Amino acid sequence: MIVYNVTIKVDLSINDVWVQWMKQDHCLKILATGCFYDYKMFRVLEDDQSDGMTYAVQFFAHSISDYFTFQNIHYRELQAEMKNTFQDKCLSFRTVLREV
């Protein structure tokens, strides 16, 4: 199993709208690519949340080739959609993990 983990710091001013958009739109579009079979969304528990909330969204793929298909075909368009929707209110980084 491959886990595509996206960690995102979300500005407090858009937090509720962003969470709803992720659950009702963005994550479903990522699943609709067929590259991932499931996802989970977590809020990172931090002491200081004065500058925003942090989330980890994990998408599960059967193989690394499924992940690369996502990266090569779908990633740019979906990333641009998030950027256009929320501008500079979200800061993210990505990691790819393999189950051992």
C-alpha atoms as a PDB file:
ATOM      1  CA  MET A   1       0.000   0.000   0.000  1.00  0.00           C
ATOM      2  CA  ILE A   2       1.133   3.512  -0.834  1.00  0.00           C
ATOM      3  CA  VAL A   3       0.057   6.515   1.237  1.00  0.00           C
ATOM      4  CA  TYR A   4       0.105   9.947  -0.338  1.00  0.00           C
ATOM      5  CA  ASN A   5       0.159  12.288   2.666  1.00  0.00           C
ATOM      6  CA  VAL A   6      -0.586  15.985   2.285  1.00  0.00           C
ATOM      7  CA  THR A   7      -0.018  18.167   5.350  1.00  0.00           C
ATOM      8  CA  ILE A   8      -1.760  21.529   5.126  1.00  0.00           C
ATOM      9  CA  LYS A   9      -1.726  24.599   7.378  1.00  0.00           C
ATOM     10  CA  VAL A  10      -5.028  26.444   6.898  1.00  0.00           C
ATOM     11  CA  ASP A  11      -5.588  30.073   7.845  1.00  0.00           C
ATOM     12  CA  LEU A  12      -8.248  30.427  10.545  1.00  0.00           C
ATOM     13  CA  SER A  13     -10.239  32.859   8.374  1.00  0.00           C
ATOM     14  CA  ILE A  14     -11.126  30.084   5.909  1.00  0.00           C
ATOM     15  CA  ASN A  15     -10.858  26.978   8.082  1.00  0.00           C
ATOM     16  CA  ASP A  16     -14.531  25.926   8.159  1.00  0.00           C
ATOM     17  CA  VAL A  17     -15.086  26.619   4.455  1.00  0.00           C
ATOM     18  CA  TRP A  18     -11.863  24.773   3.563  1.00  0.00           C
ATOM     19  CA  VAL A  19     -12.782  21.658   5.612  1.00  0.00           C
ATOM     20  CA  GLN A  20     -16.213  21.506   3.982  1.00  0.00           C
ATOM     21  CA  TRP A  21     -14.716  21.997   0.502  1.00  0.00           C
ATOM     22  CA  MET A  22     -12.139  19.265   1.102  1.00  0.00           C
ATOM     23  CA  LYS A  23     -14.730  16.734   2.292  1.00  0.00           C
ATOM     24  CA  GLN A  24     -17.483  17.540  -0.207  1.00  0.00           C
ATOM     25  CA  ASP A  25     -15.457  18.380  -3.298  1.00  0.00           C
ATOM     26  CA  HIS A  26     -11.668  18.136  -3.497  1.00  0.00           C
ATOM     27  CA  CYS A  27     -11.047  14.737  -1.886  1.00  0.00           C
ATOM     28  CA  LEU A  28     -13.891  13.205  -3.877  1.00  0.00           C
ATOM     29  CA  LYS A  29     -12.347  14.507  -7.104  1.00  0.00           C
ATOM     30  CA  ILE A  30      -9.027  12.929  -6.133  1.00  0.00           C
ATOM     31  CA  LEU A  31     -10.752   9.599  -5.490  1.00  0.00           C
ATOM     32  CA  ALA A  32     -12.605   9.933  -8.810  1.00  0.00           C
ATOM     33  CA  THR A  33      -9.260   9.814 -10.646  1.00  0.00           C
ATOM     34  CA  GLY A  34      -9.195   6.090  -9.838  1.00  0.00           C
ATOM     35  CA  CYS A  35      -5.631   6.358  -8.537  1.00  0.00           C
ATOM     36  CA  PHE A  36      -6.616   6.043  -4.883  1.00  0.00           C
ATOM     37  CA  TYR A  37      -9.170   3.774  -3.240  1.00  0.00           C
ATOM     38  CA  ASP A  38      -9.741   5.662   0.026  1.00  0.00           C
ATOM     39  CA  TYR A  39      -8.666   8.629   2.092  1.00  0.00           C
ATOM     40  CA  LYS A  40      -8.628   9.837   5.687  1.00  0.00           C
ATOM     41  CA  MET A  41      -8.463  13.384   6.960  1.00  0.00           C
ATOM     42  CA  PHE A  42      -6.939  14.258  10.335  1.00  0.00           C
ATOM     43  CA  ARG A  43      -6.507  17.463  12.279  1.00  0.00           C
ATOM     44  CA  VAL A  44      -3.063  17.765  13.825  1.00  0.00           C
ATOM     45  CA  LEU A  45      -3.353  18.510  17.535  1.00  0.00           C
ATOM     46  CA  GLU A  46      -1.140  21.467  18.364  1.00  0.00           C
ATOM     47  CA  ASP A  47      -0.861  23.707  21.387  1.00  0.00           C
ATOM     48  CA  ASP A  48      -0.668  26.938  19.403  1.00  0.00           C
ATOM     49  CA  GLN A  49      -3.327  27.285  16.722  1.00  0.00           C
ATOM     50  CA  SER A  50      -3.328  31.071  16.662  1.00  0.00           C
ATOM     51  CA  ASP A  51      -2.075  31.226  13.078  1.00  0.00           C
ATOM     52  CA  GLY A  52      -4.196  28.365  11.707  1.00  0.00           C
ATOM     53  CA  MET A  53      -5.151  24.717  11.886  1.00  0.00           C
ATOM     54  CA  THR A  54      -2.989  21.929  10.489  1.00  0.00           C
ATOM     55  CA  TYR A  55      -4.420  18.883   8.750  1.00  0.00           C
ATOM     56  CA  ALA A  56      -2.994  15.672   7.351  1.00  0.00           C
ATOM     57  CA  VAL A  57      -4.932  14.174   4.463  1.00  0.00           C
ATOM     58  CA  GLN A  58      -3.890  10.668   3.465  1.00  0.00           C
ATOM     59  CA  PHE A  59      -4.856   9.051   0.180  1.00  0.00           C
ATOM     60  CA  PHE A  60      -4.373   5.288  -0.184  1.00  0.00           C
ATOM     61  CA  ALA A  61      -3.174   3.674  -3.416  1.00  0.00           C
ATOM     62  CA  HIS A  62      -2.621   0.018  -4.223  1.00  0.00           C
ATOM     63  CA  SER A  63       0.678   0.661  -6.006  1.00  0.00           C
ATOM     64  CA  ILE A  64       3.346   3.251  -6.658  1.00  0.00           C
ATOM     65  CA  SER A  65       2.306   3.250 -10.323  1.00  0.00           C
ATOM     66  CA  ASP A  66      -1.173   4.436  -9.277  1.00  0.00           C
ATOM     67  CA  TYR A  67       0.464   7.294  -7.390  1.00  0.00           C
ATOM     68  CA  PHE A  68       2.666   8.204 -10.374  1.00  0.00           C
ATOM     69  CA  THR A  69      -0.385   8.159 -12.638  1.00  0.00           C
ATOM     70  CA  PHE A  70      -2.006  10.673 -10.311  1.00  0.00           C
ATOM     71  CA  GLN A  71       1.116  12.851 -10.266  1.00  0.00           C
ATOM     72  CA  ASN A  72       1.615  12.792 -14.025  1.00  0.00           C
ATOM     73  CA  ILE A  73      -1.993  13.206 -15.158  1.00  0.00           C
ATOM     74  CA  HIS A  74      -4.153  14.758 -12.419  1.00  0.00           C
ATOM     75  CA  TYR A  75      -2.015  16.584  -9.857  1.00  0.00           C
ATOM     76  CA  ARG A  76      -1.449  19.925 -11.610  1.00  0.00           C
ATOM     77  CA  GLU A  77      -5.110  20.561 -12.338  1.00  0.00           C
ATOM     78  CA  LEU A  78      -6.285  19.664  -8.827  1.00  0.00           C
ATOM     79  CA  GLN A  79      -3.489  21.647  -7.182  1.00  0.00           C
ATOM     80  CA  ALA A  80      -4.326  24.674  -9.327  1.00  0.00           C
ATOM     81  CA  GLU A  81      -7.971  24.397  -8.277  1.00  0.00           C
ATOM     82  CA  MET A  82      -7.001  24.586  -4.600  1.00  0.00           C
ATOM     83  CA  LYS A  83      -4.609  27.476  -5.248  1.00  0.00           C
ATOM     84  CA  ASN A  84      -7.241  29.403  -7.225  1.00  0.00           C
ATOM     85  CA  THR A  85      -9.899  28.794  -4.586  1.00  0.00           C
ATOM     86  CA  PHE A  86      -7.885  29.637  -1.459  1.00  0.00           C
ATOM     87  CA  GLN A  87      -4.892  31.647  -2.796  1.00  0.00           C
ATOM     88  CA  ASP A  88      -2.253  32.002  -0.086  1.00  0.00           C
ATOM     89  CA  LYS A  89      -4.478  30.884   2.820  1.00  0.00           C
ATOM     90  CA  CYS A  90      -3.133  27.296   2.703  1.00  0.00           C
ATOM     91  CA  LEU A  91       0.455  26.135   2.991  1.00  0.00           C
ATOM     92  CA  SER A  92       1.201  22.479   2.267  1.00  0.00           C
ATOM     93  CA  PHE A  93       3.828  19.830   1.790  1.00  0.00           C
ATOM     94  CA  ARG A  94       3.586  16.274   0.553  1.00  0.00           C
ATOM     95  CA  THR A  95       5.164  12.930   1.389  1.00  0.00           C
ATOM     96  CA  VAL A  96       4.760   9.508  -0.151  1.00  0.00           C
ATOM     97  CA  LEU A  97       4.920   6.491   2.138  1.00  0.00           C
ATOM     98  CA  ARG A  98       5.075   2.747   1.558  1.00  0.00           C
ATOM     99  CA  GLU A  99       3.608   0.323   4.064  1.00  0.00           C
ATOM    100  CA  VAL A 100       6.223  -1.996   5.611  1.00  0.00           C
END
